[in-house]
Amino acid sequence: MNTQDENVVWTANSMQRESVSKVSAELLSQEQVRIARDFHRTLPGYKPTPLQSLNALAKHLGVGGIYVKDESYRFGLKAFKALGGSYAIGRYLAERLDENIADLPFEKLTSRMVREKLGKITFATTTDGNHGRGVAWTAKQLRQRAVVYMPKGSSPYRLAKIREEGADASISDLNYDDTVRLTAAKARREGWVVVQDTAWEGYTKIPGWIMQGYGTMVAEALEQLRERKAERPTHVFVQAGVGALAGSVVGYLLSSYGCGTERPKTVVVESDRAACLYRSALAGDGVPRCVGGDMDTIMAGLACGEVNVLGWDVLRAAADMFVACPDWASVKGMRILGNPLPGDPAVISGESGAVTTGLLWALLCDPALREARKALEIDGSSRVLLFSTEGDTDPLRYRDIVWDRVSSAAR
């Protein structure tokens, strides 16, 4: 199947399933995510982001419920990414101090005693915008330094917002994965600490902590469903760049529900221009594939061509379906969420945040995806959980898409 055309393409996970992934069991257990969430509770401005119920949309599309976790409210940064960066930096500092993260609330980490003991630390990262801003925000809170590199084609507005957090930030002339390598090389020379959710040989500890930090978002969502006395979700859609977020979501669901019929079916959603996980799943041999080139998509947060090996270990064992979506699916999702049916709340969702909503619409409305819908067993009783991972982190681009862009999303 061609992943560069205008069609949504998908593959069911044919790889051998393990009873439980070792990464999920050890790294993404309920206890590890609880520790991360307890740390997040000490951060300034922390509160759970809203879980929106789109009852009218669910009725319109013929499913039992649609729930959207709205991350546009996270820490005033309009994206979930700070959950990972802040926790990874907290864990790094705890390790340097030879203390348990449970004994280091954020207030203590910002103390003069800690700064005098550790000195000035530079945290470096590569980002399309959201992750880098979260790292810069955390470093600023800690009175430390951040250096942020962005791939070519990155939004100047997002660059400016990162600089507003006090980071030394710039846009390279390389794609995302090559910019990650640039950042890592400079960090080695300068003695900086790399805070990246991409894992590679010899660099897995910090990416693992980032994945644990992302677990806070999933834990909040499941708790909010229980508080509403809503039934468990039957399906969870999650977007993927390198697969750290997707691995975190799928791993935590596996830890929470086990391997039986109670566990929701999970759908991993990528841009068709950067579908490294989809291609890896399509090969079906457990070996991750890479995607190179410019990866030209409006879904900048998903424009990553190399797999996070920690996330892949979870996803190949436990995800149910991998999907690659053209840009029109993201556009459709942005418009659906921002212009709700009567009675539903509006959700301002950016390019990488809305693709799962666009895909859900396509699955339920496009006859060409009938087999995918059948494979997922989506019907009138299904309850679908979606993550809108970012708001309008570039307001001008958001408005251009939802107001002006002409695309097949309108079909």
Protein backbone atom coordinates (compact mmCIF):
# COMPACT_ATOMS: atom_id res chain seq x y z
CA MET A 1 0.00 0.00 0.00
CA ASN A 2 1.25 3.47 -0.86
CA THR A 3 1.55 5.76 2.16
CA GLN A 4 2.06 8.89 0.07
CA ASP A 5 -1.36 9.14 -1.59
CA GLU A 6 -4.57 10.70 -0.30
CA ASN A 7 -5.92 7.55 1.31
CA VAL A 8 -5.82 6.46 4.91
CA VAL A 9 -3.86 3.19 5.07
CA TRP A 10 -3.82 0.74 7.93
CA THR A 11 -2.56 -2.60 9.09
CA ALA A 12 -3.62 -4.81 11.96
CA ASN A 13 -0.81 -5.86 14.26
CA SER A 14 0.24 -9.30 13.08
CA MET A 15 3.33 -9.53 15.28
CA GLN A 16 3.56 -12.06 18.05
CA ARG A 17 1.89 -10.78 21.21
CA GLU A 18 3.61 -11.21 24.51
CA SER A 19 1.49 -11.73 27.63
CA VAL A 20 2.91 -8.45 28.87
CA SER A 21 5.74 -6.31 27.55
CA LYS A 22 8.72 -6.12 29.90
CA VAL A 23 8.96 -2.39 29.21
CA SER A 24 5.29 -1.94 30.06
CA ALA A 25 5.54 -4.03 33.22
CA GLU A 26 8.61 -2.30 34.60
CA LEU A 27 8.63 1.17 33.07
CA LEU A 28 4.93 1.95 32.68
CA SER A 29 3.42 0.25 35.68
CA GLN A 30 0.65 1.97 37.61
CA GLU A 31 3.11 2.55 40.45
CA GLN A 32 5.71 4.26 38.25
CA VAL A 33 3.09 6.51 36.67
CA ARG A 34 1.70 7.32 40.13
CA ILE A 35 5.16 8.52 41.18
CA ALA A 36 5.38 10.70 38.09
CA ARG A 37 1.94 12.14 38.70
CA ASP A 38 2.76 12.89 42.34
CA PHE A 39 5.77 14.86 41.09
CA HIS A 40 3.63 16.75 38.58
CA ARG A 41 1.24 17.73 41.33
CA THR A 42 4.07 19.78 42.89
CA LEU A 43 4.67 21.82 39.72
CA PRO A 44 3.35 25.39 39.58
CA GLY A 45 0.04 25.55 37.75
CA TYR A 46 -0.59 21.81 37.71
CA LYS A 47 -4.17 20.64 37.42
CA PRO A 48 -5.76 17.89 35.34
CA THR A 49 -6.70 19.01 31.85
CA PRO A 50 -10.37 18.67 30.82
CA LEU A 51 -11.84 15.47 29.47
CA GLN A 52 -14.53 16.61 27.07
CA SER A 53 -17.55 14.45 26.28
CA LEU A 54 -18.73 14.83 22.69
CA ASN A 55 -22.14 13.24 23.05
CA ALA A 56 -23.68 14.88 19.98
CA LEU A 57 -20.77 13.82 17.79
CA ALA A 58 -20.98 10.28 19.15
CA LYS A 59 -24.66 10.12 18.28
CA HIS A 60 -24.02 11.62 14.84
CA LEU A 61 -21.29 9.06 14.07
CA GLY A 62 -23.18 6.13 15.61
CA VAL A 63 -21.00 5.17 18.57
CA GLY A 64 -21.71 4.98 22.29
CA GLY A 65 -19.38 7.77 23.39
CA ILE A 66 -16.48 9.99 22.34
CA TYR A 67 -14.15 11.48 24.96
CA VAL A 68 -11.39 13.96 24.14
CA LYS A 69 -8.56 14.73 26.56
CA ASP A 70 -7.92 18.45 25.88
CA GLU A 71 -4.23 19.21 26.44
CA SER A 72 -4.51 22.81 25.27
CA TYR A 73 -4.84 23.72 28.97
CA ARG A 74 -1.58 22.11 30.17
CA PHE A 75 0.56 24.54 32.23
CA GLY A 76 -0.44 27.43 29.98
CA LEU A 77 1.79 25.89 27.28
CA LYS A 78 -1.06 24.49 25.15
CA ALA A 79 0.46 20.99 24.87
CA PHE A 80 1.06 17.83 26.89
CA LYS A 81 4.79 17.68 26.26
CA ALA A 82 5.91 19.41 29.47
CA LEU A 83 4.72 16.34 31.38
CA GLY A 84 7.57 14.32 29.93
CA GLY A 85 10.34 16.90 29.97
CA SER A 86 9.65 18.12 33.49
CA TYR A 87 9.59 14.63 34.98
CA ALA A 88 12.74 13.55 33.13
CA ILE A 89 14.60 16.61 34.37
CA GLY A 90 13.29 16.02 37.88
CA ARG A 91 14.49 12.41 37.79
CA TYR A 92 17.88 13.46 36.42
CA LEU A 93 18.36 15.99 39.23
CA ALA A 94 17.23 13.46 41.82
CA GLU A 95 19.81 11.00 40.53
CA ARG A 96 22.54 13.66 40.65
CA LEU A 97 21.53 14.47 44.24
CA ASP A 98 21.35 10.76 45.13
CA GLU A 99 17.79 11.23 46.36
CA ASN A 100 14.42 9.67 45.62
CA ILE A 101 12.20 11.73 43.32
CA ALA A 102 9.36 11.18 45.81
CA ASP A 103 11.35 13.28 48.30
CA LEU A 104 12.02 16.09 45.81
CA PRO A 105 8.96 18.22 45.15
CA PHE A 106 9.49 20.91 42.55
CA GLU A 107 9.77 23.57 45.25
CA LYS A 108 12.81 21.80 46.70
CA LEU A 109 14.40 21.42 43.26
CA THR A 110 14.24 25.19 42.78
CA SER A 111 15.94 25.87 46.11
CA ARG A 112 19.27 27.66 46.43
CA MET A 113 20.72 24.61 48.17
CA VAL A 114 20.11 22.43 45.09
CA ARG A 115 21.49 25.04 42.69
CA GLU A 116 24.62 25.49 44.77
CA LYS A 117 25.15 21.75 45.01
CA LEU A 118 24.65 21.02 41.31
CA GLY A 119 25.78 24.25 39.70
CA LYS A 120 24.56 25.47 36.31
CA ILE A 121 23.22 22.69 34.07
CA THR A 122 22.34 23.03 30.39
CA PHE A 123 19.50 20.85 29.11
CA ALA A 124 19.45 20.37 25.33
CA THR A 125 16.75 19.02 23.06
CA THR A 126 15.37 18.81 19.54
CA THR A 127 11.75 19.75 18.92
CA ASP A 128 9.18 20.94 16.42
CA GLY A 129 7.97 23.24 19.19
CA ASN A 130 5.98 21.67 22.01
CA HIS A 131 8.60 19.45 23.65
CA GLY A 132 11.26 22.15 23.42
CA ARG A 133 8.98 24.71 24.99
CA GLY A 134 8.25 22.30 27.84
CA VAL A 135 11.96 21.70 28.44
CA ALA A 136 12.66 25.44 28.26
CA TRP A 137 9.80 26.18 30.68
CA THR A 138 11.11 23.59 33.15
CA ALA A 139 14.69 24.86 32.93
CA LYS A 140 13.47 28.41 33.51
CA GLN A 141 11.53 27.34 36.60
CA LEU A 142 14.68 25.63 37.91
CA ARG A 143 16.90 28.61 37.01
CA GLN A 144 18.91 26.39 34.71
CA ARG A 145 19.73 26.77 30.99
CA ALA A 146 18.08 25.23 27.94
CA VAL A 147 19.37 24.92 24.37
CA VAL A 148 16.79 23.96 21.77
CA TYR A 149 17.28 23.02 18.11
CA MET A 150 14.37 22.79 15.69
CA PRO A 151 14.26 21.04 12.30
CA LYS A 152 13.98 22.95 9.04
CA GLY A 153 10.50 24.19 8.26
CA SER A 154 9.66 24.71 11.94
CA SER A 155 7.21 27.43 12.88
CA PRO A 156 8.88 30.82 13.62
CA TYR A 157 6.04 31.48 16.08
CA ARG A 158 6.87 28.33 18.04
CA LEU A 159 10.55 29.30 17.96
CA ALA A 160 9.66 32.68 19.45
CA LYS A 161 7.60 31.08 22.23
CA ILE A 162 10.55 28.84 23.17
CA ARG A 163 12.83 31.86 23.30
CA GLU A 164 10.31 33.61 25.54
CA GLU A 165 10.99 30.85 28.08
CA GLY A 166 14.64 31.93 28.12
CA ALA A 167 16.09 29.17 25.93
CA ASP A 168 18.83 29.55 23.36
CA ALA A 169 16.80 28.28 20.39
CA SER A 170 17.37 28.08 16.64
CA ILE A 171 16.09 26.34 13.50
CA SER A 172 18.52 24.04 11.67
CA ASP A 173 18.64 23.16 7.98
CA LEU A 174 18.12 19.44 8.76
CA ASN A 175 15.10 17.21 9.18
CA TYR A 176 13.96 16.15 12.68
CA ASP A 177 16.03 12.99 13.06
CA ASP A 178 19.21 14.57 11.74
CA THR A 179 18.64 17.53 14.07
CA VAL A 180 18.41 15.05 16.98
CA ARG A 181 21.84 13.77 15.98
CA LEU A 182 23.15 17.33 15.72
CA THR A 183 21.88 18.09 19.23
CA ALA A 184 23.39 14.91 20.68
CA ALA A 185 26.77 15.63 19.08
CA LYS A 186 26.86 19.20 20.40
CA ALA A 187 25.76 18.03 23.84
CA ARG A 188 28.64 15.53 23.99
CA ARG A 189 31.14 18.26 23.13
CA GLU A 190 29.70 20.85 25.50
CA GLY A 191 28.75 18.63 28.42
CA TRP A 192 25.02 19.31 28.09
CA VAL A 193 22.26 16.94 29.23
CA VAL A 194 20.09 15.72 26.34
CA VAL A 195 16.37 15.54 27.18
CA GLN A 196 14.85 13.68 24.22
CA ASP A 197 11.95 11.26 23.85
CA THR A 198 13.79 9.49 21.04
CA ALA A 199 15.67 6.48 22.42
CA TRP A 200 18.72 4.90 20.83
CA GLU A 201 21.48 2.51 21.84
CA GLY A 202 23.07 3.83 24.99
CA TYR A 203 20.37 6.46 25.51
CA THR A 204 17.24 5.01 27.07
CA LYS A 205 17.07 6.22 30.68
CA ILE A 206 15.85 9.78 30.01
CA PRO A 207 13.44 8.72 27.22
CA GLY A 208 12.00 6.19 29.66
CA TRP A 209 11.44 8.88 32.27
CA ILE A 210 9.76 11.04 29.62
CA MET A 211 7.38 8.19 28.80
CA GLN A 212 6.55 7.80 32.49
CA GLY A 213 5.79 11.53 32.63
CA TYR A 214 3.39 11.19 29.70
CA GLY A 215 1.56 8.56 31.74
CA THR A 216 0.09 11.33 33.91
CA MET A 217 -2.16 12.35 31.02
CA VAL A 218 -3.52 8.81 30.60
CA ALA A 219 -3.98 8.32 34.34
CA GLU A 220 -5.93 11.57 34.55
CA ALA A 221 -8.20 10.53 31.67
CA LEU A 222 -9.04 7.13 33.17
CA GLU A 223 -9.67 8.71 36.57
CA GLN A 224 -11.95 11.33 35.01
CA LEU A 225 -13.97 8.61 33.31
CA ARG A 226 -14.37 6.78 36.61
CA GLU A 227 -15.43 10.00 38.37
CA ARG A 228 -18.21 10.38 35.79
CA LYS A 229 -19.16 6.77 36.39
CA ALA A 230 -18.57 6.23 32.70
CA GLU A 231 -17.77 2.76 31.49
CA ARG A 232 -14.20 2.00 30.49
CA PRO A 233 -13.21 3.01 26.95
CA THR A 234 -13.47 0.24 24.40
CA HIS A 235 -11.12 1.98 21.96
CA VAL A 236 -8.21 4.39 22.41
CA PHE A 237 -6.66 6.30 19.52
CA VAL A 238 -3.24 7.88 20.05
CA GLN A 239 -0.98 9.76 17.66
CA ALA A 240 2.68 8.91 17.17
CA GLY A 241 5.86 10.61 16.07
CA VAL A 242 8.74 8.49 17.39
CA GLY A 243 6.22 6.47 19.40
CA ALA A 244 7.09 7.58 22.94
CA LEU A 245 3.61 8.92 23.68
CA ALA A 246 1.90 5.99 21.94
CA GLY A 247 4.06 3.52 23.85
CA SER A 248 3.28 5.30 27.11
CA VAL A 249 -0.48 5.22 26.47
CA VAL A 250 -0.59 1.60 25.31
CA GLY A 251 1.77 0.49 28.08
CA TYR A 252 -0.23 2.16 30.82
CA LEU A 253 -3.47 0.71 29.48
CA LEU A 254 -1.82 -2.70 29.50
CA SER A 255 -0.72 -2.19 33.10
CA SER A 256 -4.19 -0.96 34.09
CA TYR A 257 -6.39 -3.50 32.33
CA GLY A 258 -4.13 -6.48 31.72
CA CYS A 259 -4.12 -8.55 28.57
CA GLY A 260 -7.72 -9.72 28.58
CA THR A 261 -10.92 -8.47 27.04
CA GLU A 262 -11.13 -5.51 29.44
CA ARG A 263 -8.19 -3.78 27.77
CA PRO A 264 -9.32 -1.26 25.13
CA LYS A 265 -8.37 -1.78 21.51
CA THR A 266 -5.59 0.67 20.66
CA VAL A 267 -4.98 2.47 17.37
CA VAL A 268 -1.61 4.15 16.68
CA VAL A 269 -1.98 7.07 14.25
CA GLU A 270 0.81 8.70 12.21
CA SER A 271 1.24 11.12 9.34
CA ASP A 272 1.58 9.21 6.08
CA ARG A 273 4.75 11.24 5.37
CA ALA A 274 6.50 10.00 8.53
CA ALA A 275 4.92 6.60 9.11
CA CYS A 276 7.87 4.70 10.58
CA LEU A 277 5.70 2.73 13.00
CA TYR A 278 3.14 1.83 10.34
CA ARG A 279 5.89 0.62 8.03
CA SER A 280 7.45 -1.35 10.87
CA ALA A 281 4.11 -3.00 11.65
CA LEU A 282 3.46 -3.67 7.97
CA ALA A 283 6.74 -5.59 7.74
CA GLY A 284 5.56 -7.68 10.68
CA ASP A 285 8.97 -9.01 11.72
CA GLY A 286 9.41 -6.89 14.85
CA VAL A 287 12.29 -4.89 13.35
CA PRO A 288 11.67 -1.12 13.31
CA ARG A 289 11.84 0.72 9.97
CA CYS A 290 12.92 4.30 9.32
CA VAL A 291 11.55 7.04 7.08
CA GLY A 292 13.91 9.68 5.66
CA GLY A 293 13.66 12.88 3.70
CA ASP A 294 11.77 16.08 4.45
CA MET A 295 8.59 14.40 5.82
CA ASP A 296 6.51 17.31 4.56
CA THR A 297 3.31 17.32 6.62
CA ILE A 298 1.30 19.89 8.52
CA MET A 299 1.51 17.52 11.50
CA ALA A 300 4.90 18.88 12.58
CA GLY A 301 4.77 17.13 15.94
CA LEU A 302 4.52 13.77 14.16
CA ALA A 303 7.20 14.43 11.51
CA CYS A 304 9.67 11.92 12.94
CA GLY A 305 11.17 9.14 10.88
CA GLU A 306 12.96 6.96 13.42
CA VAL A 307 11.31 4.77 16.04
CA ASN A 308 11.78 5.10 19.80
CA VAL A 309 12.91 1.57 20.66
CA LEU A 310 11.29 1.64 24.11
CA GLY A 311 7.94 2.66 22.64
CA TRP A 312 8.26 0.12 19.86
CA ASP A 313 8.82 -2.69 22.35
CA VAL A 314 5.40 -1.92 23.83
CA LEU A 315 3.58 -1.19 20.58
CA ARG A 316 4.68 -4.26 18.66
CA ALA A 317 3.52 -6.41 21.56
CA ALA A 318 0.24 -4.73 22.41
CA ALA A 319 -1.11 -2.19 19.88
CA ASP A 320 -4.03 -3.45 17.80
CA MET A 321 -3.74 -1.33 14.66
CA PHE A 322 -1.32 1.08 12.98
CA VAL A 323 -2.68 3.79 10.68
CA ALA A 324 -1.03 6.36 8.41
CA CYS A 325 -3.12 9.45 7.63
CA PRO A 326 -2.79 12.18 4.99
CA ASP A 327 -2.94 15.81 6.08
CA TRP A 328 -6.63 16.08 5.24
CA ALA A 329 -7.45 13.83 8.22
CA SER A 330 -5.79 16.33 10.55
CA VAL A 331 -7.61 19.24 8.90
CA LYS A 332 -10.92 17.42 9.23
CA GLY A 333 -10.29 16.72 12.90
CA MET A 334 -9.36 20.35 13.63
CA ARG A 335 -12.58 21.57 12.02
CA ILE A 336 -14.80 18.99 13.73
CA LEU A 337 -13.40 19.77 17.17
CA GLY A 338 -13.34 23.54 16.70
CA ASN A 339 -16.87 23.70 15.27
CA PRO A 340 -18.87 21.26 17.40
CA LEU A 341 -22.39 20.02 16.98
CA PRO A 342 -24.99 21.71 19.24
CA GLY A 343 -24.48 20.70 22.85
CA ASP A 344 -20.86 19.63 22.48
CA PRO A 345 -17.98 21.78 23.78
CA ALA A 346 -15.47 23.26 21.35
CA VAL A 347 -11.93 21.88 21.49
CA ILE A 348 -9.14 23.96 19.97
CA SER A 349 -6.86 21.29 18.60
CA GLY A 350 -3.69 21.79 16.57
CA GLU A 351 -2.41 19.88 13.58
CA SER A 352 -0.88 17.00 15.54
CA GLY A 353 -3.63 16.99 18.14
CA ALA A 354 -6.64 16.51 15.88
CA VAL A 355 -5.61 13.72 13.52
CA THR A 356 -7.16 11.00 15.69
CA THR A 357 -10.54 12.75 15.51
CA GLY A 358 -10.22 13.03 11.74
CA LEU A 359 -9.39 9.35 11.53
CA LEU A 360 -12.35 8.37 13.71
CA TRP A 361 -14.64 10.35 11.39
CA ALA A 362 -13.13 8.60 8.35
CA LEU A 363 -13.46 5.14 9.90
CA LEU A 364 -17.14 5.69 10.60
CA CYS A 365 -18.06 7.54 7.41
CA ASP A 366 -15.83 6.26 4.59
CA PRO A 367 -16.94 2.97 2.97
CA ALA A 368 -13.34 2.38 1.88
CA LEU A 369 -12.42 1.85 5.54
CA ARG A 370 -15.15 -0.68 6.26
CA GLU A 371 -12.63 -3.49 6.78
CA ALA A 372 -10.63 -1.43 9.26
CA ARG A 373 -13.81 -0.62 11.18
CA LYS A 374 -14.72 -4.30 11.19
CA ALA A 375 -11.25 -5.30 12.40
CA LEU A 376 -11.57 -2.86 15.31
CA GLU A 377 -15.13 -3.98 16.09
CA ILE A 378 -16.38 -0.40 16.36
CA ASP A 379 -20.16 -0.28 16.68
CA GLY A 380 -23.00 1.55 18.40
CA SER A 381 -21.79 0.54 21.86
CA SER A 382 -18.17 1.62 21.39
CA ARG A 383 -16.70 4.27 23.69
CA VAL A 384 -13.71 6.00 22.13
CA LEU A 385 -11.00 7.92 24.00
CA LEU A 386 -8.96 10.45 22.00
CA PHE A 387 -6.05 12.67 23.03
CA SER A 388 -5.95 16.20 21.64
CA THR A 389 -2.26 16.61 22.43
CA GLU A 390 -1.94 20.28 21.49
CA GLY A 391 -4.02 23.40 21.07
CA ASP A 392 -3.28 26.27 18.71
CA THR A 393 0.44 26.39 19.48
CA ASP A 394 0.78 28.47 16.31
CA PRO A 395 -2.44 30.54 16.21
CA LEU A 396 -1.84 31.96 12.73
CA ARG A 397 -1.28 28.52 11.24
CA TYR A 398 -4.31 27.18 13.10
CA ARG A 399 -6.52 29.93 11.70
CA ASP A 400 -5.16 29.44 8.20
CA ILE A 401 -6.08 25.76 8.34
CA VAL A 402 -9.55 26.00 9.88
CA TRP A 403 -10.58 29.16 7.99
CA ASP A 404 -8.84 29.12 4.64
CA ARG A 405 -7.21 25.85 3.64
CA VAL A 406 -8.90 24.08 0.77
CA SER A 407 -8.40 20.33 0.98
CA SER A 408 -10.10 17.00 0.55
CA ALA A 409 -11.03 17.25 4.23
CA ALA A 410 -14.17 18.91 3.01
CA ARG A 411 -15.25 15.91 0.99
